[in-house]
Amino acid sequence: MAAPDLVTAPDPLAAPDPGISGQSARPVPGIDNGFLAGYRVRFDEAGPDGRLRTSALLRYAQDVAWRHSEQLGFDRAWYQERGLGWVVRGCELEVSEAIPIGHTLRVSTAVVGHRRIWARRFGECRLADGQAAATITTDWVLLDARSRVVRIPSDFGVAFVNPEVRSEILRVAAPAGGPVATVELRVRPSDLDPLDHVNNAVYVDWLDEALEAAGWLPPPGDAGVTLRLEYLASAERGNEVVIELRGEPAAWQAVMRRADGIDLVRASGTRGVTASGT
């Protein structure tokens, strides 16, 4: 099989890679406690077109958020001792540039605001020349050991200094009309994360399966795509999941639910929208 037509390799004289260790950064004006790290697009993270899969951007955002938290003293041990853990409730991803295999992205993150029981992160993925390739806004809630939403501890107000969010947590309206495509699948062991739940990025891979079934998957290298997801419940080991896709190629809606009828995720997508940046 012929190799895909890949984008020219990054210029070795371009801006230096921030490195695997990461560093403090100020990606958002007025927010001092940001973090920046380099992520090289691996072979297994790219599709047949030689470009980064959309779901990998959410994986980078999740990982750099953890690294930022660890840098400020809130590592996994800290959360385990208190029986606490953050989970994603909503995210919006805007992709403005195709990202080639082998390229090192500059991925930044900062907590840009909070409310009593949830916090918002903003992240950017920039190419070596500084061009913004994607932005990611993620709303997180804090759960206790019994999976109940709890108030954010005062400790975070000292380490993550940010304003109170004026807007509401990210939501996605329930889709209307009959489905254009329906995909049924079972949760696979490889879909599970350390919490034994389906990782939030996996749902984007599932969306791609539904879009492909409808013939709506964007063409190779297509950018200007915006995704919004609202996470309502967690899919777990062995669950049967149904994905229903509605709308049209340039503006679609989807709902994912368990076989017992419980909604897991609502999602929407548009094409032709560029990342806003910050």
Protein backbone atom coordinates (compact mmCIF):
# COMPACT_ATOMS: atom_id res chain seq x y z
CA MET A 1 0.00 0.00 0.00
CA ALA A 2 1.37 3.43 -0.92
CA ALA A 3 2.45 5.75 1.87
CA PRO A 4 0.18 8.76 2.51
CA ASP A 5 1.13 12.14 1.07
CA LEU A 6 2.60 13.71 4.20
CA VAL A 7 3.21 17.35 5.01
CA THR A 8 6.82 18.55 4.93
CA ALA A 9 8.71 17.85 8.17
CA PRO A 10 8.94 20.73 10.67
CA ASP A 11 11.78 23.21 10.21
CA PRO A 12 14.59 22.23 12.64
CA LEU A 13 15.45 25.93 13.00
CA ALA A 14 11.94 26.83 14.16
CA ALA A 15 11.03 27.63 17.77
CA PRO A 16 12.59 25.15 20.22
CA ASP A 17 10.59 22.24 21.56
CA PRO A 18 9.49 23.03 25.15
CA GLY A 19 10.51 19.50 26.03
CA ILE A 20 9.02 16.51 27.76
CA SER A 21 9.48 18.03 31.22
CA GLY A 22 7.22 21.00 30.42
CA GLN A 23 7.46 24.50 31.81
CA SER A 24 5.42 27.25 33.40
CA ALA A 25 3.70 29.53 30.92
CA ARG A 26 1.20 32.34 30.57
CA PRO A 27 -0.95 31.27 27.61
CA VAL A 28 -3.91 33.43 28.65
CA PRO A 29 -3.51 37.15 29.43
CA GLY A 30 -4.18 37.85 33.09
CA ILE A 31 -3.78 34.21 34.15
CA ASP A 32 -0.29 33.57 35.54
CA ASN A 33 -0.50 29.88 36.43
CA GLY A 34 -0.38 28.24 33.00
CA PHE A 35 1.70 25.32 31.74
CA LEU A 36 3.30 24.43 28.40
CA ALA A 37 4.68 21.15 27.05
CA GLY A 38 5.66 19.61 23.73
CA TYR A 39 3.80 16.63 22.26
CA ARG A 40 5.22 14.91 19.20
CA VAL A 41 2.55 13.37 16.97
CA ARG A 42 3.27 9.64 17.01
CA PHE A 43 2.67 7.21 14.14
CA ASP A 44 -0.22 5.53 15.98
CA GLU A 45 -1.94 8.87 16.66
CA ALA A 46 -2.31 9.71 12.96
CA GLY A 47 -4.87 8.42 10.47
CA PRO A 48 -4.38 7.12 6.91
CA ASP A 49 -3.93 10.72 5.72
CA GLY A 50 -0.83 11.11 7.93
CA ARG A 51 -2.46 13.71 10.16
CA LEU A 52 -3.34 13.75 13.85
CA ARG A 53 -6.71 12.26 14.78
CA THR A 54 -9.05 14.74 16.45
CA SER A 55 -9.42 12.58 19.55
CA ALA A 56 -5.69 12.85 20.25
CA LEU A 57 -6.10 16.58 20.89
CA LEU A 58 -8.39 15.78 23.82
CA ARG A 59 -5.85 13.26 25.10
CA TYR A 60 -3.12 15.91 24.98
CA ALA A 61 -5.39 18.40 26.77
CA GLN A 62 -6.17 15.87 29.50
CA ASP A 63 -2.54 14.90 29.98
CA VAL A 64 -1.17 18.45 30.06
CA ALA A 65 -3.85 19.37 32.62
CA TRP A 66 -2.63 16.56 34.89
CA ARG A 67 0.98 17.65 34.46
CA HIS A 68 0.02 21.22 35.32
CA SER A 69 -1.77 20.01 38.45
CA GLU A 70 1.21 17.89 39.50
CA GLN A 71 3.56 20.84 39.04
CA LEU A 72 1.47 22.81 41.56
CA GLY A 73 1.43 19.97 44.11
CA PHE A 74 -1.89 18.30 43.27
CA ASP A 75 -0.73 14.90 42.02
CA ARG A 76 -2.69 11.65 41.90
CA ALA A 77 -1.63 10.73 45.43
CA TRP A 78 -3.10 14.02 46.73
CA TYR A 79 -6.45 13.18 45.15
CA GLN A 80 -6.40 9.54 46.25
CA GLU A 81 -5.75 10.49 49.88
CA ARG A 82 -8.86 12.70 49.84
CA GLY A 83 -11.04 10.45 47.70
CA LEU A 84 -11.45 13.16 45.06
CA GLY A 85 -11.17 13.24 41.28
CA TRP A 86 -11.91 15.59 38.39
CA VAL A 87 -14.13 14.48 35.50
CA VAL A 88 -14.98 16.30 32.28
CA ARG A 89 -18.56 17.54 31.97
CA GLY A 90 -18.26 19.49 28.74
CA CYS A 91 -15.73 20.50 26.11
CA GLU A 92 -15.49 22.53 22.94
CA LEU A 93 -12.74 21.79 20.44
CA GLU A 94 -11.96 24.09 17.49
CA VAL A 95 -9.49 22.78 14.90
CA SER A 96 -8.14 25.33 12.43
CA GLU A 97 -5.06 23.58 10.99
CA ALA A 98 -4.25 19.99 9.97
CA ILE A 99 -1.44 18.62 12.16
CA PRO A 100 1.06 16.29 10.46
CA ILE A 101 2.63 13.14 11.86
CA GLY A 102 6.04 13.78 13.46
CA HIS A 103 5.25 17.41 14.27
CA THR A 104 5.83 18.61 17.84
CA LEU A 105 2.87 20.64 19.06
CA ARG A 106 3.25 23.29 21.75
CA VAL A 107 0.32 22.43 24.03
CA SER A 108 -0.59 24.93 26.74
CA THR A 109 -3.22 24.93 29.46
CA ALA A 110 -4.53 27.28 32.14
CA VAL A 111 -7.46 27.31 34.55
CA VAL A 112 -9.25 30.42 33.34
CA GLY A 113 -12.20 30.47 35.71
CA HIS A 114 -14.30 28.59 38.22
CA ARG A 115 -17.66 28.39 39.94
CA ARG A 116 -18.51 26.76 43.24
CA ILE A 117 -18.48 23.17 41.95
CA TRP A 118 -16.74 23.37 38.54
CA ALA A 119 -13.69 24.85 36.84
CA ARG A 120 -12.89 25.79 33.25
CA ARG A 121 -9.60 25.18 31.45
CA PHE A 122 -8.52 26.74 28.19
CA GLY A 123 -5.83 25.12 26.07
CA GLU A 124 -4.04 25.89 22.84
CA CYS A 125 -2.16 23.62 20.44
CA ARG A 126 0.33 25.60 18.37
CA LEU A 127 2.57 24.56 15.49
CA ALA A 128 6.33 25.15 15.55
CA ASP A 129 5.92 28.53 13.82
CA GLY A 130 3.48 29.70 16.49
CA GLN A 131 0.36 29.25 14.38
CA ALA A 132 -2.67 28.15 16.43
CA ALA A 133 -3.82 24.73 15.20
CA ALA A 134 -6.54 24.06 17.79
CA THR A 135 -8.13 25.44 20.93
CA ILE A 136 -9.82 23.39 23.64
CA THR A 137 -12.19 24.65 26.34
CA THR A 138 -12.99 22.06 29.00
CA ASP A 139 -15.35 22.22 31.99
CA TRP A 140 -14.48 19.93 34.90
CA VAL A 141 -16.38 18.96 38.05
CA LEU A 142 -14.90 17.46 41.21
CA LEU A 143 -16.31 14.16 42.51
CA ASP A 144 -15.83 12.39 45.81
CA ALA A 145 -15.29 8.65 46.30
CA ARG A 146 -19.06 8.05 45.97
CA SER A 147 -19.17 9.95 42.63
CA ARG A 148 -21.00 12.91 44.16
CA VAL A 149 -20.21 16.44 42.96
CA VAL A 150 -18.45 18.41 45.71
CA ARG A 151 -17.35 21.98 46.28
CA ILE A 152 -13.86 22.89 45.03
CA PRO A 153 -11.46 22.93 48.04
CA SER A 154 -10.01 26.29 49.11
CA ASP A 155 -6.49 24.92 48.40
CA PHE A 156 -7.15 25.38 44.69
CA GLY A 157 -7.91 29.07 45.09
CA VAL A 158 -4.32 29.63 46.25
CA ALA A 159 -2.58 27.58 43.53
CA PHE A 160 -4.93 28.31 40.63
CA VAL A 161 -5.69 32.03 40.82
CA ASN A 162 -8.47 32.84 38.34
CA PRO A 163 -11.76 34.79 38.17
CA GLU A 164 -15.25 33.41 38.72
CA VAL A 165 -16.79 32.21 35.46
CA ARG A 166 -19.70 34.38 34.33
CA SER A 167 -21.11 31.86 31.86
CA GLU A 168 -22.72 28.49 32.53
CA ILE A 169 -21.13 25.06 32.13
CA LEU A 170 -20.94 23.85 28.51
CA ARG A 171 -24.14 22.21 27.31
CA VAL A 172 -25.38 20.54 24.11
CA ALA A 173 -29.07 20.53 23.21
CA ALA A 174 -30.82 17.22 22.69
CA PRO A 175 -30.89 16.34 18.95
CA ALA A 176 -34.18 16.63 17.07
CA GLY A 177 -35.51 14.64 14.12
CA GLY A 178 -34.85 11.10 12.99
CA PRO A 179 -31.35 9.60 12.86
CA VAL A 180 -29.43 9.64 9.59
CA ALA A 181 -27.03 6.94 10.78
CA THR A 182 -26.96 4.58 13.74
CA VAL A 183 -23.89 2.75 15.01
CA GLU A 184 -23.91 0.06 17.69
CA LEU A 185 -20.76 -1.01 19.52
CA ARG A 186 -19.53 -2.60 22.72
CA VAL A 187 -17.04 -0.95 25.07
CA ARG A 188 -13.64 -2.54 24.49
CA PRO A 189 -10.90 -2.94 27.13
CA SER A 190 -8.72 -0.49 25.17
CA ASP A 191 -11.42 2.20 25.63
CA LEU A 192 -11.03 2.20 29.42
CA ASP A 193 -8.89 4.60 31.43
CA PRO A 194 -7.41 4.19 34.97
CA LEU A 195 -10.85 4.93 36.47
CA ASP A 196 -12.22 1.89 34.57
CA HIS A 197 -14.52 4.19 32.60
CA VAL A 198 -14.46 5.07 28.91
CA ASN A 199 -12.03 7.94 28.48
CA ASN A 200 -13.60 11.22 27.29
CA ALA A 201 -11.47 11.22 24.10
CA VAL A 202 -12.79 7.79 23.05
CA TYR A 203 -16.24 9.26 22.44
CA VAL A 204 -14.70 11.41 19.68
CA ASP A 205 -13.39 8.24 18.00
CA TRP A 206 -16.91 6.83 18.24
CA LEU A 207 -18.30 10.00 16.65
CA ASP A 208 -15.89 9.49 13.76
CA GLU A 209 -17.31 5.99 13.28
CA ALA A 210 -20.84 7.41 13.07
CA LEU A 211 -19.76 10.20 10.70
CA GLU A 212 -18.04 7.67 8.46
CA ALA A 213 -21.16 5.48 8.45
CA ALA A 214 -23.15 8.51 7.24
CA GLY A 215 -20.51 9.50 4.69
CA TRP A 216 -19.98 12.77 6.56
CA LEU A 217 -16.41 12.31 7.76
CA PRO A 218 -14.40 15.42 6.72
CA PRO A 219 -11.99 14.84 3.84
CA PRO A 220 -8.30 14.18 4.65
CA GLY A 221 -6.54 17.24 6.02
CA ASP A 222 -9.80 19.20 6.38
CA ALA A 223 -9.72 21.83 9.12
CA GLY A 224 -12.14 24.47 10.32
CA VAL A 225 -14.06 21.96 12.43
CA THR A 226 -15.76 22.68 15.77
CA LEU A 227 -16.94 19.93 18.12
CA ARG A 228 -18.91 20.35 21.33
CA LEU A 229 -19.58 17.48 23.73
CA GLU A 230 -21.60 17.27 26.94
CA TYR A 231 -20.80 14.25 29.10
CA LEU A 232 -23.88 13.07 30.99
CA ALA A 233 -22.84 9.64 32.27
CA SER A 234 -19.93 7.21 31.94
CA ALA A 235 -19.86 4.15 29.73
CA GLU A 236 -18.22 1.24 31.51
CA ARG A 237 -16.66 -2.11 30.79
CA GLY A 238 -18.83 -4.31 28.58
CA ASN A 239 -21.60 -1.74 27.98
CA GLU A 240 -23.47 -1.82 24.70
CA VAL A 241 -23.60 1.68 23.20
CA VAL A 242 -25.83 3.12 20.48
CA ILE A 243 -24.81 6.27 18.57
CA GLU A 244 -27.47 8.18 16.62
CA LEU A 245 -26.41 10.91 14.18
CA ARG A 246 -28.77 13.65 12.93
CA GLY A 247 -28.54 16.78 10.80
CA GLU A 248 -26.30 17.30 7.76
CA PRO A 249 -22.56 17.10 6.96
CA ALA A 250 -21.82 20.75 7.79
CA ALA A 251 -23.94 20.90 10.97
CA TRP A 252 -24.79 17.69 12.79
CA GLN A 253 -25.92 16.48 16.22
CA ALA A 254 -25.41 13.13 17.91
CA VAL A 255 -26.48 11.32 21.03
CA MET A 256 -24.76 8.28 22.53
CA ARG A 257 -26.67 6.10 24.95
CA ARG A 258 -26.36 2.79 26.68
CA ALA A 259 -28.53 -0.09 25.59
CA ASP A 260 -30.72 0.56 28.68
CA GLY A 261 -31.62 4.02 27.31
CA ILE A 262 -29.37 6.14 29.55
CA ASP A 263 -27.84 9.07 27.62
CA LEU A 264 -24.05 9.14 27.88
CA VAL A 265 -22.99 12.00 25.61
CA ARG A 266 -24.62 14.67 23.48
CA ALA A 267 -22.47 16.15 20.74
CA SER A 268 -22.66 18.65 17.91
CA GLY A 269 -20.30 19.57 15.12
CA THR A 270 -19.89 22.22 12.45
CA ARG A 271 -17.46 22.65 9.56
CA GLY A 272 -16.07 25.89 8.23
CA VAL A 273 -15.47 27.42 11.68
CA THR A 274 -11.93 28.43 12.56
CA ALA A 275 -10.32 28.44 15.99
CA SER A 276 -10.77 31.73 17.78
CA GLY A 277 -7.51 31.60 19.75
CA THR A 278 -6.85 33.82 22.75
